[in-house]
Amino acid sequence: MEKNKPIQKFRSGTFECAIWENNVEGKEYKVRNLSLKKSIKKEDKWEDQVINLRYQEIRRAIKVLEKAEDYLLTTPQK
């Protein structure tokens, strides 16, 4: 069985986003999703943290990250 590979990847620093295209069982169409991976080093060993998102969730994820960034930029640190 052939392993599913992403149709596109983007990388910036320790972040990588992969776009996946998967068949829908019993249907004649495919769906596209993404995985967002952050690699972190713990005690000389690299580990990956992965979040999988459907297409419809990408904009919501971007919005909450932008709000968090705005908060951090405009709120003094205690």
N, C-alpha and C. Protein backbone atom coordinates (compact mmCIF):
# COMPACT_ATOMS: atom_id res chain seq x y z
N MET A 1 0.84 -1.19 0.00
CA MET A 1 0.00 0.00 0.00
C MET A 1 0.88 1.25 0.00
N GLU A 2 0.58 2.17 -0.88
CA GLU A 2 1.37 3.40 -1.00
C GLU A 2 0.98 4.37 0.11
N LYS A 3 2.01 4.96 0.74
CA LYS A 3 1.76 5.92 1.81
C LYS A 3 1.31 7.25 1.21
N ASN A 4 0.28 7.83 1.82
CA ASN A 4 -0.25 9.12 1.38
C ASN A 4 0.80 10.20 1.62
N LYS A 5 1.08 11.01 0.60
CA LYS A 5 2.05 12.09 0.72
C LYS A 5 1.33 13.42 0.53
N PRO A 6 1.83 14.48 1.17
CA PRO A 6 1.21 15.80 0.99
C PRO A 6 1.36 16.28 -0.45
N ILE A 7 0.38 17.09 -0.88
CA ILE A 7 0.45 17.64 -2.24
C ILE A 7 1.29 18.92 -2.28
N GLN A 8 1.53 19.50 -1.09
CA GLN A 8 2.35 20.72 -0.98
C GLN A 8 2.83 20.86 0.45
N LYS A 9 4.03 21.44 0.62
CA LYS A 9 4.57 21.73 1.96
C LYS A 9 5.13 23.15 1.98
N PHE A 10 5.02 23.77 3.13
CA PHE A 10 5.60 25.10 3.35
C PHE A 10 6.33 25.05 4.69
N ARG A 11 7.48 25.72 4.77
CA ARG A 11 8.26 25.69 6.00
C ARG A 11 8.76 27.08 6.36
N SER A 12 8.77 27.35 7.66
CA SER A 12 9.37 28.57 8.18
C SER A 12 9.93 28.24 9.57
N GLY A 13 11.24 28.25 9.69
CA GLY A 13 11.86 27.92 10.97
C GLY A 13 11.49 26.51 11.41
N THR A 14 10.94 26.40 12.61
CA THR A 14 10.56 25.09 13.14
C THR A 14 9.12 24.72 12.82
N PHE A 15 8.46 25.53 11.98
CA PHE A 15 7.07 25.25 11.59
C PHE A 15 7.03 24.68 10.18
N GLU A 16 6.14 23.72 9.98
CA GLU A 16 5.90 23.17 8.66
C GLU A 16 4.40 22.94 8.48
N CYS A 17 3.89 23.36 7.34
CA CYS A 17 2.48 23.14 7.01
C CYS A 17 2.44 22.24 5.77
N ALA A 18 1.66 21.17 5.87
CA ALA A 18 1.51 20.25 4.74
C ALA A 18 0.05 20.21 4.32
N ILE A 19 -0.19 20.25 3.02
CA ILE A 19 -1.54 20.16 2.46
C ILE A 19 -1.75 18.73 1.98
N TRP A 20 -2.86 18.13 2.42
CA TRP A 20 -3.17 16.74 2.09
C TRP A 20 -4.45 16.67 1.26
N GLU A 21 -4.51 15.71 0.38
CA GLU A 21 -5.72 15.46 -0.39
C GLU A 21 -6.09 13.99 -0.17
N ASN A 22 -7.30 13.76 0.32
CA ASN A 22 -7.73 12.41 0.66
C ASN A 22 -9.05 12.07 -0.01
N ASN A 23 -9.18 10.82 -0.39
CA ASN A 23 -10.44 10.32 -0.94
C ASN A 23 -11.46 10.21 0.18
N VAL A 24 -12.71 10.49 -0.15
CA VAL A 24 -13.80 10.29 0.80
C VAL A 24 -14.39 8.92 0.49
N GLU A 25 -14.40 8.08 1.50
CA GLU A 25 -14.88 6.72 1.30
C GLU A 25 -16.31 6.71 0.78
N GLY A 26 -16.53 5.98 -0.31
CA GLY A 26 -17.86 5.87 -0.89
C GLY A 26 -18.27 7.06 -1.74
N LYS A 27 -17.40 8.04 -1.93
CA LYS A 27 -17.71 9.24 -2.72
C LYS A 27 -16.72 9.36 -3.87
N GLU A 28 -17.09 10.16 -4.86
CA GLU A 28 -16.22 10.36 -6.01
C GLU A 28 -15.47 11.69 -5.95
N TYR A 29 -15.25 12.19 -4.77
CA TYR A 29 -14.50 13.44 -4.63
C TYR A 29 -13.47 13.31 -3.51
N LYS A 30 -12.59 14.29 -3.45
CA LYS A 30 -11.53 14.31 -2.45
C LYS A 30 -11.70 15.53 -1.56
N VAL A 31 -11.15 15.46 -0.37
CA VAL A 31 -11.14 16.61 0.52
C VAL A 31 -9.68 16.99 0.78
N ARG A 32 -9.48 18.28 1.01
CA ARG A 32 -8.14 18.77 1.32
C ARG A 32 -8.11 19.27 2.75
N ASN A 33 -7.09 18.91 3.46
CA ASN A 33 -6.87 19.31 4.85
C ASN A 33 -5.42 19.75 4.99
N LEU A 34 -5.10 20.28 6.15
CA LEU A 34 -3.70 20.62 6.39
C LEU A 34 -3.27 20.12 7.75
N SER A 35 -1.98 19.93 7.87
CA SER A 35 -1.38 19.63 9.16
C SER A 35 -0.34 20.70 9.42
N LEU A 36 -0.34 21.22 10.63
CA LEU A 36 0.63 22.22 11.06
C LEU A 36 1.52 21.55 12.09
N LYS A 37 2.81 21.52 11.80
CA LYS A 37 3.75 20.83 12.67
C LYS A 37 4.77 21.82 13.23
N LYS A 38 5.03 21.71 14.52
CA LYS A 38 6.10 22.48 15.16
C LYS A 38 7.07 21.48 15.75
N SER A 39 8.33 21.61 15.37
CA SER A 39 9.37 20.73 15.90
C SER A 39 10.04 21.41 17.08
N ILE A 40 10.19 20.67 18.18
CA ILE A 40 10.85 21.21 19.37
C ILE A 40 11.93 20.23 19.82
N LYS A 41 12.96 20.77 20.41
CA LYS A 41 14.06 19.93 20.87
C LYS A 41 13.99 19.82 22.39
N LYS A 42 13.91 18.57 22.86
CA LYS A 42 13.89 18.28 24.29
C LYS A 42 15.03 17.33 24.61
N GLU A 43 15.96 17.78 25.41
CA GLU A 43 17.07 16.93 25.84
C GLU A 43 17.75 16.23 24.67
N ASP A 44 18.20 17.00 23.70
CA ASP A 44 18.93 16.50 22.53
C ASP A 44 18.11 15.60 21.61
N LYS A 45 16.77 15.61 21.73
CA LYS A 45 15.92 14.80 20.86
C LYS A 45 14.83 15.70 20.28
N TRP A 46 14.63 15.64 18.96
CA TRP A 46 13.60 16.42 18.30
C TRP A 46 12.26 15.71 18.40
N GLU A 47 11.22 16.46 18.73
CA GLU A 47 9.86 15.95 18.79
C GLU A 47 8.96 16.86 17.96
N ASP A 48 7.91 16.28 17.39
CA ASP A 48 6.96 17.04 16.59
C ASP A 48 5.62 17.16 17.31
N GLN A 49 5.06 18.36 17.27
CA GLN A 49 3.71 18.59 17.75
C GLN A 49 2.89 18.90 16.51
N VAL A 50 1.78 18.17 16.30
CA VAL A 50 1.01 18.32 15.07
C VAL A 50 -0.44 18.67 15.38
N ILE A 51 -0.97 19.62 14.61
CA ILE A 51 -2.38 19.99 14.64
C ILE A 51 -2.92 19.74 13.24
N ASN A 52 -4.01 19.00 13.14
CA ASN A 52 -4.67 18.75 11.86
C ASN A 52 -5.91 19.62 11.75
N LEU A 53 -6.07 20.31 10.62
CA LEU A 53 -7.20 21.22 10.41
C LEU A 53 -7.90 20.91 9.10
N ARG A 54 -9.21 21.03 9.12
CA ARG A 54 -9.98 20.99 7.87
C ARG A 54 -9.90 22.37 7.23
N TYR A 55 -10.18 22.41 5.94
CA TYR A 55 -10.12 23.68 5.21
C TYR A 55 -10.92 24.78 5.90
N GLN A 56 -12.12 24.44 6.38
CA GLN A 56 -13.01 25.44 6.98
C GLN A 56 -12.46 25.98 8.31
N GLU A 57 -11.51 25.30 8.92
CA GLU A 57 -10.98 25.73 10.22
C GLU A 57 -9.76 26.64 10.11
N ILE A 58 -9.17 26.72 8.93
CA ILE A 58 -7.92 27.50 8.78
C ILE A 58 -8.13 28.96 9.14
N ARG A 59 -9.15 29.61 8.60
CA ARG A 59 -9.39 31.03 8.86
C ARG A 59 -9.62 31.28 10.35
N ARG A 60 -10.36 30.39 11.02
CA ARG A 60 -10.60 30.54 12.47
C ARG A 60 -9.29 30.44 13.25
N ALA A 61 -8.43 29.51 12.88
CA ALA A 61 -7.15 29.36 13.55
C ALA A 61 -6.30 30.61 13.37
N ILE A 62 -6.28 31.14 12.14
CA ILE A 62 -5.53 32.37 11.86
C ILE A 62 -6.05 33.52 12.72
N LYS A 63 -7.36 33.65 12.80
CA LYS A 63 -7.97 34.75 13.56
C LYS A 63 -7.58 34.69 15.04
N VAL A 64 -7.68 33.50 15.65
CA VAL A 64 -7.35 33.44 17.08
C VAL A 64 -5.86 33.67 17.31
N LEU A 65 -5.01 33.25 16.38
CA LEU A 65 -3.58 33.53 16.51
C LEU A 65 -3.30 35.02 16.36
N GLU A 66 -3.99 35.69 15.42
CA GLU A 66 -3.82 37.13 15.27
C GLU A 66 -4.28 37.88 16.51
N LYS A 67 -5.40 37.45 17.10
CA LYS A 67 -5.89 38.10 18.33
C LYS A 67 -4.90 37.91 19.46
N ALA A 68 -4.32 36.71 19.57
CA ALA A 68 -3.32 36.46 20.60
C ALA A 68 -2.08 37.33 20.38
N GLU A 69 -1.66 37.46 19.11
CA GLU A 69 -0.52 38.30 18.80
C GLU A 69 -0.80 39.77 19.14
N ASP A 70 -1.97 40.27 18.77
CA ASP A 70 -2.35 41.64 19.10
C ASP A 70 -2.33 41.87 20.61
N TYR A 71 -2.88 40.92 21.35
CA TYR A 71 -2.89 41.03 22.82
C TYR A 71 -1.47 41.12 23.36
N LEU A 72 -0.60 40.24 22.88
CA LEU A 72 0.78 40.22 23.38
C LEU A 72 1.53 41.49 23.00
N LEU A 73 1.21 42.06 21.83
CA LEU A 73 1.88 43.27 21.39
C LEU A 73 1.38 44.52 22.10
N THR A 74 0.13 44.51 22.58
CA THR A 74 -0.46 45.73 23.14
C THR A 74 -0.67 45.69 24.65
N THR A 75 -0.42 44.57 25.28
CA THR A 75 -0.61 44.47 26.72
C THR A 75 0.76 44.40 27.39
N PRO A 76 1.01 45.33 28.32
CA PRO A 76 2.31 45.31 29.01
C PRO A 76 2.48 44.01 29.81
N GLN A 77 3.73 43.52 29.79
CA GLN A 77 4.02 42.31 30.56
C GLN A 77 4.18 42.68 32.03
N LYS A 78 3.60 41.86 32.90
CA LYS A 78 3.66 42.14 34.34
C LYS A 78 4.95 41.68 34.94
